[in-house]
């Protein structure tokens, strides 16, 4: 947005604050939309499952079963679609050694980054404790705290 901002500064410098607030509104809307995406739903399910079972492995079937709860037959998602989305999120595909069923190894660091990306901070798992973490203040609020 730098070229657009530069043009605005040449034409009407008075509008700078309005321009910045409009950009913030657009960023918030984008973040809200991303937080309601299919991938965000998958990350939330993975987080809840990992938190309950205290494991670093999740079966694709488990995620798709939770996703399909309450859906009509027509809107159910396949295991293949879920597996491709989980892989796209960055998790490594593996097989369960006992049942030979397909799943993914969950790295807490990656899961934490995804939770932050999708606005699921209240579910963030700390790699050491695997417990629910308190909501983290946004960068702006932290900067405001420095003033006081």
N, C-alpha and C. Protein backbone atom coordinates (compact mmCIF):
# COMPACT_ATOMS: atom_id res chain seq x y z
N UNK A 1 0.80 -1.20 0.00
CA UNK A 1 0.00 0.00 0.00
C UNK A 1 0.85 1.27 0.00
N UNK A 2 2.14 1.14 -0.02
CA UNK A 2 3.03 2.31 0.02
C UNK A 2 2.79 3.25 -1.15
N UNK A 3 2.72 2.78 -2.41
CA UNK A 3 2.47 3.73 -3.51
C UNK A 3 1.14 4.47 -3.35
N UNK A 4 0.12 3.78 -2.92
CA UNK A 4 -1.17 4.42 -2.72
C UNK A 4 -1.07 5.48 -1.62
N UNK A 5 -0.37 5.16 -0.56
CA UNK A 5 -0.19 6.10 0.54
C UNK A 5 0.61 7.32 0.07
N UNK A 6 1.63 7.09 -0.74
CA UNK A 6 2.44 8.20 -1.25
C UNK A 6 1.61 9.15 -2.12
N UNK A 7 0.76 8.58 -2.96
CA UNK A 7 -0.12 9.41 -3.79
C UNK A 7 -1.07 10.20 -2.90
N UNK A 8 -1.62 9.55 -1.89
CA UNK A 8 -2.52 10.24 -0.97
C UNK A 8 -1.81 11.40 -0.28
N UNK A 9 -0.57 11.21 0.11
CA UNK A 9 0.20 12.27 0.79
C UNK A 9 0.44 13.46 -0.14
N UNK A 10 0.57 13.20 -1.44
CA UNK A 10 0.74 14.28 -2.40
C UNK A 10 -0.57 15.04 -2.65
N UNK A 11 -1.65 14.29 -2.73
CA UNK A 11 -2.94 14.88 -3.08
C UNK A 11 -3.65 15.49 -1.88
N UNK A 12 -3.76 14.70 -0.80
CA UNK A 12 -4.52 15.17 0.36
C UNK A 12 -3.95 14.59 1.66
N UNK A 13 -2.93 15.22 2.21
CA UNK A 13 -2.31 14.72 3.44
C UNK A 13 -3.27 14.69 4.64
N UNK A 14 -4.32 15.46 4.57
CA UNK A 14 -5.30 15.52 5.66
C UNK A 14 -6.00 14.16 5.84
N UNK A 15 -6.10 13.39 4.78
CA UNK A 15 -6.83 12.12 4.79
C UNK A 15 -6.00 10.94 5.32
N UNK A 16 -4.80 11.18 5.80
CA UNK A 16 -3.91 10.09 6.23
C UNK A 16 -4.54 9.23 7.33
N UNK A 17 -5.10 9.84 8.35
CA UNK A 17 -5.67 9.06 9.46
C UNK A 17 -6.87 8.24 9.00
N UNK A 18 -7.69 8.80 8.12
CA UNK A 18 -8.83 8.06 7.59
C UNK A 18 -8.36 6.87 6.74
N UNK A 19 -7.31 7.08 5.97
CA UNK A 19 -6.74 6.02 5.15
C UNK A 19 -6.23 4.88 6.03
N UNK A 20 -5.51 5.23 7.10
CA UNK A 20 -4.97 4.21 8.01
C UNK A 20 -6.08 3.44 8.70
N UNK A 21 -7.14 4.13 9.11
CA UNK A 21 -8.24 3.43 9.78
C UNK A 21 -8.98 2.51 8.80
N UNK A 22 -9.09 2.93 7.55
CA UNK A 22 -9.70 2.07 6.53
C UNK A 22 -8.87 0.81 6.32
N UNK A 23 -7.55 0.97 6.27
CA UNK A 23 -6.68 -0.20 6.12
C UNK A 23 -6.81 -1.15 7.31
N UNK A 24 -6.90 -0.61 8.52
CA UNK A 24 -7.07 -1.46 9.70
C UNK A 24 -8.40 -2.21 9.64
N UNK A 25 -9.45 -1.54 9.19
CA UNK A 25 -10.75 -2.19 9.05
C UNK A 25 -10.68 -3.34 8.05
N UNK A 26 -9.99 -3.12 6.94
CA UNK A 26 -9.83 -4.16 5.93
C UNK A 26 -9.05 -5.34 6.49
N UNK A 27 -7.97 -5.06 7.25
CA UNK A 27 -7.18 -6.13 7.85
C UNK A 27 -7.99 -6.94 8.85
N UNK A 28 -8.81 -6.26 9.67
CA UNK A 28 -9.66 -6.96 10.64
C UNK A 28 -10.68 -7.84 9.93
N UNK A 29 -11.28 -7.32 8.87
CA UNK A 29 -12.27 -8.09 8.12
C UNK A 29 -11.63 -9.33 7.50
N UNK A 30 -10.42 -9.17 6.98
CA UNK A 30 -9.71 -10.30 6.39
C UNK A 30 -9.38 -11.35 7.45
N UNK A 31 -8.93 -10.90 8.62
CA UNK A 31 -8.60 -11.83 9.71
C UNK A 31 -9.85 -12.56 10.19
N UNK A 32 -10.97 -11.85 10.30
CA UNK A 32 -12.22 -12.49 10.72
C UNK A 32 -12.66 -13.53 9.71
N UNK A 33 -12.54 -13.20 8.43
CA UNK A 33 -12.94 -14.13 7.38
C UNK A 33 -12.06 -15.37 7.38
N UNK A 34 -10.75 -15.17 7.58
CA UNK A 34 -9.83 -16.31 7.61
C UNK A 34 -10.11 -17.19 8.83
N UNK A 35 -10.54 -16.59 9.93
CA UNK A 35 -10.86 -17.34 11.14
C UNK A 35 -12.09 -18.21 11.00
N UNK A 36 -12.91 -17.96 9.99
CA UNK A 36 -14.10 -18.77 9.77
C UNK A 36 -13.93 -19.75 8.61
N UNK A 37 -12.72 -19.93 8.15
CA UNK A 37 -12.48 -20.78 6.99
C UNK A 37 -12.49 -22.26 7.37
N UNK A 38 -12.50 -23.10 6.37
CA UNK A 38 -12.47 -24.55 6.54
C UNK A 38 -11.19 -24.97 7.25
N UNK A 39 -10.06 -24.35 6.88
CA UNK A 39 -8.78 -24.66 7.51
C UNK A 39 -8.79 -24.29 8.99
N UNK A 40 -9.42 -23.17 9.32
CA UNK A 40 -9.51 -22.76 10.73
C UNK A 40 -10.31 -23.77 11.53
N UNK A 41 -11.36 -24.28 10.93
CA UNK A 41 -12.17 -25.31 11.58
C UNK A 41 -11.35 -26.57 11.83
N UNK A 42 -10.52 -26.94 10.86
CA UNK A 42 -9.66 -28.11 11.02
C UNK A 42 -8.64 -27.88 12.13
N UNK A 43 -8.03 -26.71 12.17
CA UNK A 43 -7.04 -26.40 13.21
C UNK A 43 -7.69 -26.45 14.59
N UNK A 44 -8.91 -25.94 14.70
CA UNK A 44 -9.61 -25.97 15.98
C UNK A 44 -9.90 -27.40 16.42
N UNK A 45 -10.31 -28.25 15.49
CA UNK A 45 -10.58 -29.66 15.82
C UNK A 45 -9.30 -30.37 16.23
N UNK A 46 -8.22 -30.14 15.49
CA UNK A 46 -6.93 -30.75 15.83
C UNK A 46 -6.52 -30.32 17.23
N UNK A 47 -6.65 -29.04 17.54
CA UNK A 47 -6.26 -28.52 18.85
C UNK A 47 -7.05 -29.19 19.97
N UNK A 48 -8.37 -29.25 19.80
CA UNK A 48 -9.21 -29.87 20.84
C UNK A 48 -8.86 -31.34 21.03
N UNK A 49 -8.65 -32.05 19.92
CA UNK A 49 -8.34 -33.48 19.99
C UNK A 49 -6.99 -33.71 20.65
N UNK A 50 -5.99 -32.97 20.25
CA UNK A 50 -4.64 -33.10 20.82
C UNK A 50 -4.67 -32.76 22.31
N UNK A 51 -5.42 -31.74 22.66
CA UNK A 51 -5.51 -31.32 24.06
C UNK A 51 -6.17 -32.40 24.92
N UNK A 52 -7.22 -33.04 24.39
CA UNK A 52 -7.93 -34.08 25.14
C UNK A 52 -7.12 -35.36 25.26
N UNK A 53 -6.48 -35.77 24.16
CA UNK A 53 -5.80 -37.06 24.13
C UNK A 53 -4.32 -36.99 24.48
N UNK A 54 -3.75 -35.79 24.56
CA UNK A 54 -2.33 -35.59 24.90
C UNK A 54 -1.41 -36.43 24.01
N UNK A 55 -1.68 -36.40 22.71
CA UNK A 55 -0.87 -37.14 21.75
C UNK A 55 -0.32 -36.17 20.71
N UNK A 56 0.71 -36.59 19.99
CA UNK A 56 1.26 -35.75 18.92
C UNK A 56 0.90 -36.33 17.55
N UNK A 57 -0.13 -37.16 17.50
CA UNK A 57 -0.57 -37.80 16.26
C UNK A 57 -2.09 -37.75 16.22
N UNK A 58 -2.63 -37.47 15.02
CA UNK A 58 -4.08 -37.45 14.87
C UNK A 58 -4.46 -38.18 13.59
N UNK A 59 -5.52 -38.97 13.66
CA UNK A 59 -6.00 -39.69 12.48
C UNK A 59 -6.87 -38.78 11.63
N UNK A 60 -6.71 -38.90 10.33
CA UNK A 60 -7.53 -38.12 9.40
C UNK A 60 -9.00 -38.43 9.61
N UNK A 61 -9.30 -39.68 9.85
CA UNK A 61 -10.69 -40.13 10.05
C UNK A 61 -11.32 -39.41 11.25
N UNK A 62 -10.56 -39.22 12.33
CA UNK A 62 -11.09 -38.54 13.51
C UNK A 62 -11.48 -37.09 13.19
N UNK A 63 -10.64 -36.41 12.44
CA UNK A 63 -10.93 -35.02 12.07
C UNK A 63 -12.16 -34.96 11.18
N UNK A 64 -12.24 -35.85 10.18
CA UNK A 64 -13.40 -35.81 9.28
C UNK A 64 -14.69 -36.20 10.00
N UNK A 65 -14.61 -37.12 10.96
CA UNK A 65 -15.81 -37.47 11.72
C UNK A 65 -16.35 -36.27 12.50
N UNK A 66 -15.47 -35.53 13.13
CA UNK A 66 -15.90 -34.34 13.88
C UNK A 66 -16.44 -33.28 12.92
N UNK A 67 -15.77 -33.09 11.79
CA UNK A 67 -16.23 -32.12 10.80
C UNK A 67 -17.62 -32.47 10.27
N UNK A 68 -17.88 -33.74 10.11
CA UNK A 68 -19.14 -34.18 9.51
C UNK A 68 -20.30 -34.27 10.49
N UNK A 69 -20.03 -34.10 11.79
CA UNK A 69 -21.12 -34.13 12.77
C UNK A 69 -22.09 -33.00 12.49
N UNK A 70 -23.36 -33.34 12.40
CA UNK A 70 -24.38 -32.33 12.19
C UNK A 70 -24.52 -31.85 10.75
N UNK A 71 -23.74 -32.39 9.84
CA UNK A 71 -23.86 -31.99 8.43
C UNK A 71 -24.80 -32.95 7.71
N UNK A 72 -25.42 -32.43 6.68
CA UNK A 72 -26.27 -33.29 5.86
C UNK A 72 -25.39 -34.22 5.04
N UNK A 73 -25.98 -35.26 4.53
CA UNK A 73 -25.22 -36.24 3.74
C UNK A 73 -24.56 -35.57 2.54
N UNK A 74 -25.23 -34.61 1.98
CA UNK A 74 -24.73 -33.92 0.80
C UNK A 74 -23.53 -33.01 1.11
N UNK A 75 -23.47 -32.46 2.32
CA UNK A 75 -22.40 -31.51 2.64
C UNK A 75 -21.24 -32.13 3.42
N UNK A 76 -21.23 -33.44 3.59
CA UNK A 76 -20.14 -34.10 4.30
C UNK A 76 -18.85 -34.03 3.49
N UNK A 77 -17.72 -33.97 4.20
CA UNK A 77 -16.42 -33.89 3.54
C UNK A 77 -15.72 -35.24 3.61
N UNK A 78 -14.93 -35.52 2.59
CA UNK A 78 -14.23 -36.81 2.52
C UNK A 78 -12.93 -36.77 3.31
N UNK A 79 -12.44 -37.95 3.65
CA UNK A 79 -11.15 -38.06 4.32
C UNK A 79 -10.03 -37.52 3.44
N UNK A 80 -10.15 -37.73 2.14
CA UNK A 80 -9.11 -37.25 1.21
C UNK A 80 -9.02 -35.72 1.22
N UNK A 81 -10.16 -35.05 1.23
CA UNK A 81 -10.17 -33.59 1.28
C UNK A 81 -9.55 -33.10 2.58
N UNK A 82 -9.94 -33.71 3.69
CA UNK A 82 -9.40 -33.32 4.99
C UNK A 82 -7.89 -33.55 5.02
N UNK A 83 -7.43 -34.70 4.51
CA UNK A 83 -5.99 -35.00 4.50
C UNK A 83 -5.22 -33.98 3.66
N UNK A 84 -5.78 -33.61 2.51
CA UNK A 84 -5.06 -32.64 1.67
C UNK A 84 -4.99 -31.27 2.34
N UNK A 85 -6.04 -30.87 3.04
CA UNK A 85 -6.03 -29.57 3.73
C UNK A 85 -5.06 -29.60 4.92
N UNK A 86 -5.02 -30.70 5.65
CA UNK A 86 -4.09 -30.79 6.79
C UNK A 86 -2.66 -30.76 6.28
N UNK A 87 -2.41 -31.45 5.18
CA UNK A 87 -1.06 -31.44 4.60
C UNK A 87 -0.69 -30.04 4.13
N UNK A 88 -1.63 -29.34 3.54
CA UNK A 88 -1.40 -27.97 3.06
C UNK A 88 -1.08 -27.03 4.22
N UNK A 89 -1.60 -27.33 5.40
CA UNK A 89 -1.32 -26.52 6.58
C UNK A 89 0.11 -26.72 7.09
N UNK A 90 0.78 -27.79 6.63
CA UNK A 90 2.18 -27.99 6.99
C UNK A 90 2.48 -29.20 7.85
N UNK A 91 1.47 -30.00 8.18
CA UNK A 91 1.70 -31.17 9.01
C UNK A 91 2.21 -32.34 8.16
N UNK A 92 3.01 -33.21 8.76
CA UNK A 92 3.61 -34.35 8.06
C UNK A 92 2.70 -35.57 8.13
N UNK A 93 2.48 -36.18 6.96
CA UNK A 93 1.63 -37.35 6.86
C UNK A 93 2.40 -38.59 7.35
N UNK A 94 1.76 -39.39 8.20
CA UNK A 94 2.35 -40.64 8.69
C UNK A 94 1.25 -41.68 8.87
N UNK A 95 1.66 -42.89 9.20
CA UNK A 95 0.70 -43.95 9.49
C UNK A 95 0.84 -44.38 10.95
N UNK A 96 -0.29 -44.69 11.56
CA UNK A 96 -0.28 -45.21 12.92
C UNK A 96 0.36 -46.59 12.88
N UNK A 97 1.35 -46.83 13.73
CA UNK A 97 2.10 -48.09 13.68
C UNK A 97 1.26 -49.29 14.09
N UNK A 98 0.29 -49.10 14.96
CA UNK A 98 -0.52 -50.25 15.40
C UNK A 98 -1.68 -50.54 14.46
N UNK A 99 -2.41 -49.53 14.04
CA UNK A 99 -3.59 -49.76 13.20
C UNK A 99 -3.33 -49.59 11.72
N UNK A 100 -2.18 -49.03 11.36
CA UNK A 100 -1.81 -48.77 9.96
C UNK A 100 -2.77 -47.78 9.29
N UNK A 101 -3.44 -46.95 10.08
CA UNK A 101 -4.35 -45.95 9.52
C UNK A 101 -3.60 -44.65 9.29
N UNK A 102 -4.03 -43.92 8.29
CA UNK A 102 -3.36 -42.67 7.90
C UNK A 102 -3.69 -41.53 8.86
N UNK A 103 -2.65 -40.77 9.18
CA UNK A 103 -2.83 -39.62 10.06
C UNK A 103 -1.71 -38.62 9.88
N UNK A 104 -1.58 -37.73 10.84
CA UNK A 104 -0.58 -36.67 10.76
C UNK A 104 0.11 -36.48 12.10
N UNK A 105 1.41 -36.22 12.03
CA UNK A 105 2.17 -35.87 13.22
C UNK A 105 1.97 -34.38 13.46
N UNK A 106 1.60 -34.04 14.68
CA UNK A 106 1.30 -32.66 15.02
C UNK A 106 2.47 -32.06 15.79
N UNK A 107 3.05 -31.02 15.20
CA UNK A 107 4.13 -30.29 15.88
C UNK A 107 3.51 -29.09 16.61
N UNK A 108 3.70 -29.01 17.92
CA UNK A 108 3.07 -27.92 18.69
C UNK A 108 3.45 -26.52 18.20
N UNK A 109 4.68 -26.34 17.74
CA UNK A 109 5.10 -25.01 17.27
C UNK A 109 4.28 -24.58 16.06
N UNK A 110 4.09 -25.51 15.12
CA UNK A 110 3.31 -25.22 13.92
C UNK A 110 1.85 -24.98 14.28
N UNK A 111 1.33 -25.80 15.18
CA UNK A 111 -0.06 -25.66 15.61
C UNK A 111 -0.28 -24.30 16.26
N UNK A 112 0.67 -23.87 17.06
CA UNK A 112 0.56 -22.57 17.72
C UNK A 112 0.55 -21.43 16.69
N UNK A 113 1.40 -21.53 15.68
CA UNK A 113 1.43 -20.50 14.62
C UNK A 113 0.10 -20.45 13.87
N UNK A 114 -0.45 -21.63 13.58
CA UNK A 114 -1.72 -21.69 12.86
C UNK A 114 -2.86 -21.13 13.71
N UNK A 115 -2.83 -21.41 15.00
CA UNK A 115 -3.87 -20.89 15.88
C UNK A 115 -3.83 -19.37 15.92
N UNK A 116 -2.64 -18.81 15.95
CA UNK A 116 -2.50 -17.36 15.93
C UNK A 116 -2.98 -16.80 14.59
N UNK A 117 -2.62 -17.46 13.51
CA UNK A 117 -3.02 -17.02 12.17
C UNK A 117 -4.54 -16.99 12.01
N UNK A 118 -5.22 -18.00 12.57
CA UNK A 118 -6.66 -18.09 12.41
C UNK A 118 -7.44 -17.45 13.56
N UNK A 119 -6.73 -16.81 14.49
CA UNK A 119 -7.41 -16.13 15.59
C UNK A 119 -7.96 -17.07 16.64
N UNK A 120 -7.30 -18.18 16.86
CA UNK A 120 -7.73 -19.16 17.86
C UNK A 120 -6.81 -19.13 19.07
N UNK A 121 -6.36 -17.95 19.49
CA UNK A 121 -5.36 -17.83 20.55
C UNK A 121 -5.80 -18.48 21.85
N UNK A 122 -7.10 -18.51 22.12
CA UNK A 122 -7.55 -19.08 23.39
C UNK A 122 -7.26 -20.57 23.48
N UNK A 123 -6.94 -21.22 22.35
CA UNK A 123 -6.67 -22.65 22.35
C UNK A 123 -5.18 -22.97 22.24
N UNK A 124 -4.33 -21.96 22.24
CA UNK A 124 -2.91 -22.18 21.98
C UNK A 124 -2.31 -23.15 22.99
N UNK A 125 -1.58 -24.12 22.46
CA UNK A 125 -0.90 -25.10 23.30
C UNK A 125 0.55 -24.70 23.43
N UNK A 126 1.04 -24.67 24.63
CA UNK A 126 2.46 -24.44 24.83
C UNK A 126 3.17 -25.77 24.61
N UNK A 127 4.28 -25.80 23.88
CA UNK A 127 4.95 -27.06 23.59
C UNK A 127 5.37 -27.84 24.84
N UNK A 128 5.67 -27.13 25.93
CA UNK A 128 6.13 -27.81 27.14
C UNK A 128 4.98 -28.39 27.96
N UNK A 129 3.95 -27.60 28.18
CA UNK A 129 2.91 -27.99 29.13
C UNK A 129 1.67 -28.59 28.49
N UNK A 130 1.42 -28.30 27.23
CA UNK A 130 0.23 -28.78 26.53
C UNK A 130 -1.04 -28.38 27.27
N UNK A 131 -1.05 -27.18 27.87
CA UNK A 131 -2.22 -26.69 28.58
C UNK A 131 -2.74 -25.44 27.90
N UNK A 132 -3.98 -25.09 28.23
CA UNK A 132 -4.58 -23.90 27.64
C UNK A 132 -3.86 -22.66 28.15
N UNK A 133 -3.55 -21.76 27.24
CA UNK A 133 -2.82 -20.54 27.56
C UNK A 133 -3.80 -19.37 27.59
N UNK A 134 -3.53 -18.40 28.44
CA UNK A 134 -4.38 -17.22 28.52
C UNK A 134 -4.29 -16.43 27.22
N UNK A 135 -5.31 -15.68 26.92
CA UNK A 135 -5.34 -14.88 25.70
C UNK A 135 -4.17 -13.91 25.70
N UNK A 136 -3.49 -13.83 24.58
CA UNK A 136 -2.34 -12.95 24.43
C UNK A 136 -2.82 -11.60 23.92
N UNK A 137 -2.33 -10.52 24.52
CA UNK A 137 -2.69 -9.19 24.05
C UNK A 137 -2.17 -8.97 22.64
N UNK A 138 -2.87 -8.14 21.90
CA UNK A 138 -2.39 -7.80 20.56
C UNK A 138 -1.20 -6.87 20.68
N UNK A 139 -0.50 -6.71 19.59
CA UNK A 139 0.70 -5.86 19.57
C UNK A 139 0.35 -4.43 19.97
N UNK A 140 -0.78 -3.93 19.50
CA UNK A 140 -1.16 -2.56 19.80
C UNK A 140 -1.39 -2.37 21.29
N UNK A 141 -2.07 -3.33 21.94
CA UNK A 141 -2.34 -3.21 23.36
C UNK A 141 -1.04 -3.25 24.16
N UNK A 142 -0.08 -4.07 23.73
CA UNK A 142 1.21 -4.14 24.42
C UNK A 142 1.92 -2.80 24.33
N UNK A 143 1.85 -2.16 23.16
CA UNK A 143 2.49 -0.86 23.00
C UNK A 143 1.81 0.19 23.86
N UNK A 144 0.47 0.09 24.01
CA UNK A 144 -0.25 1.02 24.87
C UNK A 144 0.16 0.84 26.32
N UNK A 145 0.43 -0.39 26.75
CA UNK A 145 0.84 -0.66 28.12
C UNK A 145 2.18 -0.01 28.43
N UNK A 146 3.07 0.10 27.45
CA UNK A 146 4.38 0.70 27.67
C UNK A 146 4.26 2.18 28.02
N UNK A 147 3.23 2.82 27.51
CA UNK A 147 3.03 4.25 27.75
C UNK A 147 2.74 4.49 29.22
N UNK A 148 1.98 3.61 29.85
CA UNK A 148 1.59 3.79 31.24
C UNK A 148 2.70 3.35 32.10
